[in-house]
């Protein structure tokens, strides 16, 4: 097991869950897709949604379909490759 896999395993053992995609960030995560109780869900900051007057760290969440999750991950892969300045294959 490599170092990254050991770190992931350690974090999950402490109750952290996987973040699949972070779409927006402003002094912390704003929106994206993450597991909630093991189920992939969209998340959006309640503060940025205007539903929280102070940034309490609460998020609105709702389920994502498998096909939408795959599309979000592919979109993020293309974006990350673009940031690195690499060649990006068009989606199929």
C-alpha atoms as a PDB file:
ATOM      1  CA  UNK A   1       0.000   0.000   0.000  1.00  0.00           C
ATOM      2  CA  UNK A   2       1.463   3.385  -0.990  1.00  0.00           C
ATOM      3  CA  UNK A   3       1.623   6.466   1.263  1.00  0.00           C
ATOM      4  CA  UNK A   4      -1.439   8.149  -0.304  1.00  0.00           C
ATOM      5  CA  UNK A   5      -3.536   5.006   0.234  1.00  0.00           C
ATOM      6  CA  UNK A   6      -2.387   4.791   3.876  1.00  0.00           C
ATOM      7  CA  UNK A   7      -3.379   8.436   4.447  1.00  0.00           C
ATOM      8  CA  UNK A   8      -6.816   7.893   2.865  1.00  0.00           C
ATOM      9  CA  UNK A   9      -7.362   4.790   4.996  1.00  0.00           C
ATOM     10  CA  UNK A  10      -6.324   6.671   8.150  1.00  0.00           C
ATOM     11  CA  UNK A  11      -8.671   9.586   7.423  1.00  0.00           C
ATOM     12  CA  UNK A  12     -11.601   7.283   6.658  1.00  0.00           C
ATOM     13  CA  UNK A  13     -10.979   5.388   9.892  1.00  0.00           C
ATOM     14  CA  UNK A  14     -11.413   8.728  11.710  1.00  0.00           C
ATOM     15  CA  UNK A  15     -14.785   9.367  10.056  1.00  0.00           C
ATOM     16  CA  UNK A  16     -13.785  11.498   7.070  1.00  0.00           C
ATOM     17  CA  UNK A  17     -15.419  10.704   3.752  1.00  0.00           C
ATOM     18  CA  UNK A  18     -14.343  11.026   0.145  1.00  0.00           C
ATOM     19  CA  UNK A  19     -14.602  14.315  -1.750  1.00  0.00           C
ATOM     20  CA  UNK A  20     -15.026  13.387  -5.400  1.00  0.00           C
ATOM     21  CA  UNK A  21     -14.997  16.908  -6.858  1.00  0.00           C
ATOM     22  CA  UNK A  22     -14.604  20.419  -5.462  1.00  0.00           C
ATOM     23  CA  UNK A  23     -16.185  22.808  -7.977  1.00  0.00           C
ATOM     24  CA  UNK A  24     -15.839  26.063  -6.069  1.00  0.00           C
ATOM     25  CA  UNK A  25     -13.564  27.231  -3.285  1.00  0.00           C
ATOM     26  CA  UNK A  26     -13.472  30.512  -1.356  1.00  0.00           C
ATOM     27  CA  UNK A  27     -11.494  30.306   1.884  1.00  0.00           C
ATOM     28  CA  UNK A  28     -12.793  26.735   2.059  1.00  0.00           C
ATOM     29  CA  UNK A  29     -15.017  24.443   0.006  1.00  0.00           C
ATOM     30  CA  UNK A  30     -18.177  26.007  -1.446  1.00  0.00           C
ATOM     31  CA  UNK A  31     -19.595  23.374  -3.779  1.00  0.00           C
ATOM     32  CA  UNK A  32     -18.872  19.972  -5.246  1.00  0.00           C
ATOM     33  CA  UNK A  33     -19.583  16.297  -4.779  1.00  0.00           C
ATOM     34  CA  UNK A  34     -18.704  14.281  -1.677  1.00  0.00           C
ATOM     35  CA  UNK A  35     -19.826  11.132   0.109  1.00  0.00           C
ATOM     36  CA  UNK A  36     -22.304  11.633   2.944  1.00  0.00           C
ATOM     37  CA  UNK A  37     -22.795   8.451   4.966  1.00  0.00           C
ATOM     38  CA  UNK A  38     -21.123   6.618   2.084  1.00  0.00           C
ATOM     39  CA  UNK A  39     -23.502   7.995  -0.572  1.00  0.00           C
ATOM     40  CA  UNK A  40     -22.263  10.476  -3.205  1.00  0.00           C
ATOM     41  CA  UNK A  41     -24.102  13.813  -2.916  1.00  0.00           C
ATOM     42  CA  UNK A  42     -23.835  17.306  -4.289  1.00  0.00           C
ATOM     43  CA  UNK A  43     -22.945  19.861  -1.625  1.00  0.00           C
ATOM     44  CA  UNK A  44     -23.293  23.644  -1.560  1.00  0.00           C
ATOM     45  CA  UNK A  45     -22.388  26.029   1.243  1.00  0.00           C
ATOM     46  CA  UNK A  46     -25.470  27.222   3.136  1.00  0.00           C
ATOM     47  CA  UNK A  47     -23.670  30.549   3.622  1.00  0.00           C
ATOM     48  CA  UNK A  48     -23.172  31.093  -0.124  1.00  0.00           C
ATOM     49  CA  UNK A  49     -26.763  29.967  -0.737  1.00  0.00           C
ATOM     50  CA  UNK A  50     -27.917  32.805   1.531  1.00  0.00           C
ATOM     51  CA  UNK A  51     -29.425  30.418   4.062  1.00  0.00           C
ATOM     52  CA  UNK A  52     -26.849  31.041   6.784  1.00  0.00           C
ATOM     53  CA  UNK A  53     -26.011  34.571   8.004  1.00  0.00           C
ATOM     54  CA  UNK A  54     -22.656  33.472   9.387  1.00  0.00           C
ATOM     55  CA  UNK A  55     -20.397  30.915   7.778  1.00  0.00           C
ATOM     56  CA  UNK A  56     -21.083  28.069  10.209  1.00  0.00           C
ATOM     57  CA  UNK A  57     -19.646  25.441   7.874  1.00  0.00           C
ATOM     58  CA  UNK A  58     -23.038  23.908   7.134  1.00  0.00           C
ATOM     59  CA  UNK A  59     -23.844  22.618   3.668  1.00  0.00           C
ATOM     60  CA  UNK A  60     -26.965  21.877   1.681  1.00  0.00           C
ATOM     61  CA  UNK A  61     -26.753  18.349   0.244  1.00  0.00           C
ATOM     62  CA  UNK A  62     -28.778  16.357  -2.246  1.00  0.00           C
ATOM     63  CA  UNK A  63     -28.238  13.035  -4.019  1.00  0.00           C
ATOM     64  CA  UNK A  64     -26.430  12.708  -7.341  1.00  0.00           C
ATOM     65  CA  UNK A  65     -27.096  10.036  -9.941  1.00  0.00           C
ATOM     66  CA  UNK A  66     -24.325   7.658 -10.984  1.00  0.00           C
ATOM     67  CA  UNK A  67     -24.212   9.159 -14.496  1.00  0.00           C
ATOM     68  CA  UNK A  68     -24.038  12.725 -13.117  1.00  0.00           C
ATOM     69  CA  UNK A  69     -21.236  11.666 -10.736  1.00  0.00           C
ATOM     70  CA  UNK A  70     -19.279  10.169 -13.629  1.00  0.00           C
ATOM     71  CA  UNK A  71     -19.793  13.369 -15.653  1.00  0.00           C
ATOM     72  CA  UNK A  72     -18.650  15.559 -12.711  1.00  0.00           C
ATOM     73  CA  UNK A  73     -15.505  13.456 -12.244  1.00  0.00           C
ATOM     74  CA  UNK A  74     -14.715  13.585 -15.979  1.00  0.00           C
ATOM     75  CA  UNK A  75     -15.304  17.349 -16.052  1.00  0.00           C
ATOM     76  CA  UNK A  76     -12.920  17.789 -13.128  1.00  0.00           C
ATOM     77  CA  UNK A  77     -10.321  15.508 -14.753  1.00  0.00           C
ATOM     78  CA  UNK A  78     -10.366  17.674 -17.887  1.00  0.00           C
ATOM     79  CA  UNK A  79     -10.111  20.857 -15.801  1.00  0.00           C
ATOM     80  CA  UNK A  80      -7.187  19.490 -13.751  1.00  0.00           C
ATOM     81  CA  UNK A  81      -5.384  18.424 -16.929  1.00  0.00           C
ATOM     82  CA  UNK A  82      -5.932  21.894 -18.405  1.00  0.00           C
ATOM     83  CA  UNK A  83      -4.499  23.486 -15.243  1.00  0.00           C
ATOM     84  CA  UNK A  84      -1.386  21.329 -15.595  1.00  0.00           C
ATOM     85  CA  UNK A  85      -1.064  22.480 -19.205  1.00  0.00           C
ATOM     86  CA  UNK A  86      -1.326  18.970 -20.567  1.00  0.00           C
ATOM     87  CA  UNK A  87      -3.036  17.609 -23.598  1.00  0.00           C
ATOM     88  CA  UNK A  88      -6.739  17.018 -22.926  1.00  0.00           C
ATOM     89  CA  UNK A  89      -8.621  14.325 -24.805  1.00  0.00           C
ATOM     90  CA  UNK A  90     -12.158  15.387 -25.738  1.00  0.00           C
ATOM     91  CA  UNK A  91     -14.983  13.639 -23.844  1.00  0.00           C
ATOM     92  CA  UNK A  92     -16.569  10.721 -25.676  1.00  0.00           C
END
